Amino acid sequence: MFPTTSEILARLSWMIEEAARWGPVVPVALMFAVALFEAMVLPRRLWAKGAWALAVVLCAIGAAALLRWEQHASHSAAGDQQAAEAAALHRLWSQWDAVSQTLPPSGDSPAAAFDTVDDALASLSAKVASVGEQIGALKTGTAGRSIDQATAAKLADYLRQHGSYRVVVSCAPGDVEAYSYANQLVSILHAAGWDANGPEATANVTEGPAMRVSVFVRDPTAPDAAKVLIDAFNQFNIPHQSGISAYDAIPDNATVELFIAKKP
């Protein structure tokens, strides 16, 4: 059975590591072999051969020990460097984690491991992605309601075709976001040629927070302006309360009130 590509790559990686590990030993071994050969061949007397051979062996042992010590020191320094890098990445992860604590939660917090540099990088990458999701959720939650310019222009053109009516636009008091949305509706109604008033702060509307525009009239059977507005909101996908609500505070049957509640 032929080995798979992953097995071949694993074997090549092992061979490269072994070559890098034992590569410096090869020249020392060759020098030892040559020196030992010369020590045994060149001297004429037996005791001289033994002395030279012993000297060569001792030098070879010393060189091998020194080489081994250098390799061990190099590996130890590399390990210390990796540990320092992992610790630095852990500190950076802690800073990101502190930032995430100030943002709205978005699901489970990713697991973290810092045994190796690769684990630390993976943990840091997951934490950055998690914080990005939290920031995205925060942006979504704080985005104000508005109507894009293209839709606003089409809405104004549609309303202009149905004549001019009187509309009062009101909003929850003390709410900047609701006031800004109400002010945009007033601008669209003015562009359509309608008699728009406001935005006015209305505190007596008995409604809680809501994303949609509420349509109020004094008498649900009148006026036509409310029906035109409802049709326009439906056509251009503007969120609004389904139906028309009666409200006694409206001064006359011909006036329509658009109320913008506080955003949930």
Protein backbone atom coordinates (compact mmCIF):
# COMPACT_ATOMS: atom_id res chain seq x y z
CA MET A 1 0.00 0.00 0.00
CA PHE A 2 1.44 3.33 -1.05
CA PRO A 3 1.90 6.03 1.62
CA THR A 4 -0.39 9.03 1.54
CA THR A 5 0.79 12.56 0.81
CA SER A 6 0.51 13.54 4.47
CA GLU A 7 2.66 10.55 5.49
CA ILE A 8 5.30 11.45 2.89
CA LEU A 9 5.39 15.04 4.09
CA ALA A 10 5.65 13.90 7.72
CA ARG A 11 8.62 11.66 6.86
CA LEU A 12 10.34 14.43 4.92
CA SER A 13 9.82 16.79 7.83
CA TRP A 14 11.34 14.22 10.21
CA MET A 15 14.33 13.69 7.92
CA ILE A 16 14.94 17.43 7.67
CA GLU A 17 14.76 17.80 11.44
CA GLU A 18 17.20 14.90 11.93
CA ALA A 19 19.56 16.34 9.32
CA ALA A 20 19.48 19.72 11.05
CA ARG A 21 20.09 18.00 14.37
CA TRP A 22 22.98 15.74 13.32
CA GLY A 23 24.39 17.82 10.47
CA PRO A 24 27.02 19.61 12.58
CA VAL A 25 28.20 16.25 13.96
CA VAL A 26 29.22 14.90 10.54
CA PRO A 27 32.28 17.16 10.03
CA VAL A 28 33.44 16.40 13.58
CA ALA A 29 33.10 12.67 12.95
CA LEU A 30 35.07 12.92 9.70
CA MET A 31 37.84 14.90 11.34
CA PHE A 32 37.93 12.37 14.17
CA ALA A 33 38.21 9.47 11.70
CA VAL A 34 41.01 11.14 9.73
CA ALA A 35 42.93 12.15 12.83
CA LEU A 36 42.56 8.70 14.36
CA PHE A 37 43.79 7.10 11.13
CA GLU A 38 46.83 9.34 11.02
CA ALA A 39 47.52 8.76 14.70
CA MET A 40 47.51 5.00 14.14
CA VAL A 41 49.51 5.02 10.90
CA LEU A 42 52.12 7.82 11.07
CA PRO A 43 53.87 7.23 14.43
CA ARG A 44 56.34 4.32 14.25
CA ARG A 45 56.38 3.35 17.89
CA LEU A 46 53.41 1.59 19.48
CA TRP A 47 53.30 3.80 22.56
CA ALA A 48 53.26 6.92 20.35
CA LYS A 49 50.37 5.56 18.36
CA GLY A 50 48.44 4.89 21.55
CA ALA A 51 49.19 8.38 22.89
CA TRP A 52 48.16 10.09 19.70
CA ALA A 53 45.02 7.92 19.44
CA LEU A 54 44.09 8.77 23.03
CA ALA A 55 44.64 12.45 22.37
CA VAL A 56 42.48 12.30 19.25
CA VAL A 57 39.72 10.45 21.12
CA LEU A 58 39.77 12.96 23.97
CA CYS A 59 39.61 15.88 21.52
CA ALA A 60 36.72 14.22 19.70
CA ILE A 61 34.86 13.65 22.96
CA GLY A 62 35.42 17.29 23.96
CA ALA A 63 34.28 18.55 20.56
CA ALA A 64 31.18 16.36 20.66
CA ALA A 65 30.35 17.50 24.18
CA LEU A 66 30.82 21.15 23.22
CA LEU A 67 28.65 20.71 20.14
CA ARG A 68 25.98 18.95 22.20
CA TRP A 69 26.04 21.75 24.78
CA GLU A 70 25.65 24.40 22.06
CA GLN A 71 22.68 22.53 20.59
CA HIS A 72 21.08 22.21 24.02
CA ALA A 73 21.65 25.91 24.72
CA SER A 74 20.21 26.82 21.32
CA HIS A 75 17.12 24.67 21.91
CA SER A 76 16.71 26.10 25.40
CA ALA A 77 16.97 29.66 24.09
CA ALA A 78 14.43 28.88 21.37
CA GLY A 79 12.08 27.41 23.97
CA ASP A 80 12.48 30.45 26.21
CA GLN A 81 11.78 32.72 23.27
CA GLN A 82 8.63 30.80 22.35
CA ALA A 83 7.47 30.92 25.97
CA ALA A 84 8.06 34.68 26.04
CA GLU A 85 6.14 35.12 22.78
CA ALA A 86 3.26 33.01 24.10
CA ALA A 87 3.22 35.07 27.30
CA ALA A 88 3.16 38.31 25.29
CA LEU A 89 0.27 36.99 23.19
CA HIS A 90 -1.51 36.01 26.42
CA ARG A 91 -1.18 39.57 27.71
CA LEU A 92 -2.52 40.90 24.42
CA TRP A 93 -5.41 38.42 24.64
CA SER A 94 -6.14 39.71 28.17
CA GLN A 95 -6.36 43.27 26.85
CA TRP A 96 -8.83 42.19 24.19
CA ASP A 97 -10.77 40.25 26.81
CA ALA A 98 -10.97 43.40 28.95
CA VAL A 99 -12.38 45.27 25.94
CA SER A 100 -14.95 42.52 25.32
CA GLN A 101 -16.20 42.86 28.91
CA THR A 102 -17.36 46.41 28.10
CA LEU A 103 -19.37 45.31 25.04
CA PRO A 104 -22.72 43.49 24.76
CA PRO A 105 -22.23 39.70 24.90
CA SER A 106 -22.59 37.79 21.65
CA GLY A 107 -22.67 34.05 22.31
CA ASP A 108 -20.18 31.89 24.18
CA SER A 109 -16.66 33.17 24.74
CA PRO A 110 -14.10 31.19 22.67
CA ALA A 111 -11.78 28.83 24.54
CA ALA A 112 -8.19 29.99 25.04
CA ALA A 113 -4.91 28.04 25.25
CA PHE A 114 -1.35 29.38 25.51
CA ASP A 115 0.82 26.25 25.73
CA THR A 116 2.48 27.06 22.40
CA VAL A 117 2.81 30.09 20.16
CA ASP A 118 0.43 28.50 17.63
CA ASP A 119 -2.19 27.94 20.35
CA ALA A 120 -1.74 31.51 21.54
CA LEU A 121 -2.14 32.91 18.03
CA ALA A 122 -5.28 30.82 17.48
CA SER A 123 -6.74 32.00 20.81
CA LEU A 124 -5.94 35.63 20.04
CA SER A 125 -7.46 35.35 16.55
CA ALA A 126 -10.65 33.84 18.01
CA LYS A 127 -10.85 36.60 20.63
CA VAL A 128 -10.42 39.35 18.01
CA ALA A 129 -13.18 37.77 15.90
CA SER A 130 -15.43 37.57 18.96
CA VAL A 131 -14.84 41.23 19.81
CA GLY A 132 -15.60 42.11 16.18
CA GLU A 133 -18.96 40.34 16.49
CA GLN A 134 -19.68 42.22 19.71
CA ILE A 135 -18.87 45.55 18.04
CA GLY A 136 -21.12 44.65 15.11
CA ALA A 137 -23.96 43.84 17.49
CA LEU A 138 -23.38 47.13 19.30
CA LYS A 139 -23.50 49.07 16.03
CA THR A 140 -26.72 47.33 15.05
CA GLY A 141 -28.28 48.15 18.39
CA THR A 142 -27.29 51.81 18.32
CA ALA A 143 -28.08 52.55 14.67
CA GLY A 144 -30.75 55.20 14.38
CA ARG A 145 -33.91 54.75 12.34
CA SER A 146 -33.89 56.50 8.99
CA ILE A 147 -35.13 56.31 5.41
CA ASP A 148 -32.51 56.20 2.68
CA GLN A 149 -32.45 59.07 0.19
CA ALA A 150 -33.72 57.05 -2.79
CA THR A 151 -36.72 55.75 -0.84
CA ALA A 152 -37.39 59.21 0.62
CA ALA A 153 -37.52 60.72 -2.88
CA LYS A 154 -39.91 58.03 -4.12
CA LEU A 155 -42.10 58.43 -1.03
CA ALA A 156 -42.32 62.18 -1.58
CA ASP A 157 -43.26 61.68 -5.26
CA TYR A 158 -45.94 59.18 -4.29
CA LEU A 159 -47.50 61.46 -1.66
CA ARG A 160 -47.39 64.45 -4.00
CA GLN A 161 -49.70 62.65 -6.43
CA HIS A 162 -52.48 62.50 -3.81
CA GLY A 163 -52.76 66.21 -3.05
CA SER A 164 -51.88 68.00 0.19
CA TYR A 165 -53.00 67.10 3.71
CA ARG A 166 -52.27 68.33 7.20
CA VAL A 167 -50.03 66.11 9.31
CA VAL A 168 -48.57 66.58 12.78
CA VAL A 169 -45.38 64.63 13.43
CA SER A 170 -44.56 64.00 17.08
CA CYS A 171 -42.03 61.96 19.01
CA ALA A 172 -41.19 60.78 22.49
CA PRO A 173 -39.87 63.67 24.60
CA GLY A 174 -36.14 63.81 25.32
CA ASP A 175 -35.20 61.15 22.77
CA VAL A 176 -32.68 62.39 20.20
CA GLU A 177 -32.97 59.33 17.96
CA ALA A 178 -36.79 59.53 17.78
CA TYR A 179 -36.60 63.28 17.13
CA SER A 180 -34.14 62.77 14.26
CA TYR A 181 -36.39 60.17 12.61
CA ALA A 182 -39.47 62.36 13.09
CA ASN A 183 -37.61 65.32 11.60
CA GLN A 184 -36.80 63.27 8.49
CA LEU A 185 -40.48 62.40 8.06
CA VAL A 186 -41.35 66.11 8.30
CA SER A 187 -38.81 66.88 5.57
CA ILE A 188 -40.27 64.19 3.29
CA LEU A 189 -43.82 65.50 3.83
CA HIS A 190 -42.68 69.06 3.07
CA ALA A 191 -41.00 67.81 -0.12
CA ALA A 192 -44.35 66.22 -1.09
CA GLY A 193 -46.14 69.55 -0.59
CA TRP A 194 -48.04 68.45 2.50
CA ASP A 195 -48.82 70.71 5.46
CA ALA A 196 -46.47 69.04 7.95
CA ASN A 197 -45.94 70.34 11.46
CA GLY A 198 -43.36 69.24 13.99
CA PRO A 199 -41.56 67.40 15.26
CA GLU A 200 -43.41 67.95 18.52
CA ALA A 201 -42.65 66.22 21.80
CA THR A 202 -45.73 64.27 22.86
CA ALA A 203 -45.82 62.71 26.31
CA ASN A 204 -49.51 61.83 26.49
CA VAL A 205 -49.43 59.03 23.90
CA THR A 206 -49.92 55.85 25.89
CA GLU A 207 -47.40 53.71 24.00
CA GLY A 208 -44.20 52.00 25.05
CA PRO A 209 -41.00 51.71 23.00
CA ALA A 210 -41.58 50.73 19.38
CA MET A 211 -39.61 50.69 16.14
CA ARG A 212 -42.59 51.51 13.92
CA VAL A 213 -44.38 54.72 13.03
CA SER A 214 -47.80 55.01 14.69
CA VAL A 215 -50.66 56.65 12.76
CA PHE A 216 -53.27 58.47 14.86
CA VAL A 217 -56.52 60.22 13.80
CA ARG A 218 -59.48 61.57 15.70
CA ASP A 219 -61.99 59.48 13.75
CA PRO A 220 -60.84 56.21 12.11
CA THR A 221 -63.54 56.58 9.41
CA ALA A 222 -61.87 59.82 8.18
CA PRO A 223 -59.60 61.26 6.74
CA ASP A 224 -58.15 60.10 3.44
CA ALA A 225 -54.66 61.29 4.43
CA ALA A 226 -54.26 58.40 6.87
CA LYS A 227 -55.12 55.84 4.20
CA VAL A 228 -52.69 57.49 1.75
CA LEU A 229 -49.90 57.37 4.33
CA ILE A 230 -50.62 53.72 5.20
CA ASP A 231 -50.55 52.77 1.51
CA ALA A 232 -47.28 54.68 1.03
CA PHE A 233 -45.65 53.03 4.04
CA ASN A 234 -46.73 49.60 2.79
CA GLN A 235 -45.45 50.26 -0.72
CA PHE A 236 -42.01 51.51 0.36
CA ASN A 237 -41.52 49.08 3.25
CA ILE A 238 -41.45 51.68 5.99
CA PRO A 239 -42.18 50.02 9.34
CA HIS A 240 -45.46 51.27 10.81
CA GLN A 241 -48.23 50.10 13.08
CA SER A 242 -50.80 48.06 11.21
CA GLY A 243 -54.01 50.05 11.14
CA ILE A 244 -55.07 53.49 12.32
CA SER A 245 -55.58 54.38 15.99
CA ALA A 246 -58.05 56.93 17.31
CA TYR A 247 -56.67 59.65 19.59
CA ASP A 248 -58.92 62.24 21.24
CA ALA A 249 -56.16 64.84 21.58
CA ILE A 250 -56.13 65.46 17.81
CA PRO A 251 -58.01 68.75 17.28
CA ASP A 252 -60.02 67.85 14.16
CA ASN A 253 -60.98 64.99 11.89
CA ALA A 254 -58.84 66.22 8.98
CA THR A 255 -55.53 66.06 10.84
CA VAL A 256 -53.31 62.98 11.01
CA GLU A 257 -50.62 62.50 13.61
CA LEU A 258 -47.50 60.38 13.01
CA PHE A 259 -45.91 59.43 16.31
CA ILE A 260 -42.33 58.14 16.71
CA ALA A 261 -41.91 56.22 19.95
CA LYS A 262 -38.68 55.59 21.76
CA LYS A 263 -36.60 52.89 20.10
CA PRO A 264 -36.62 49.59 22.07
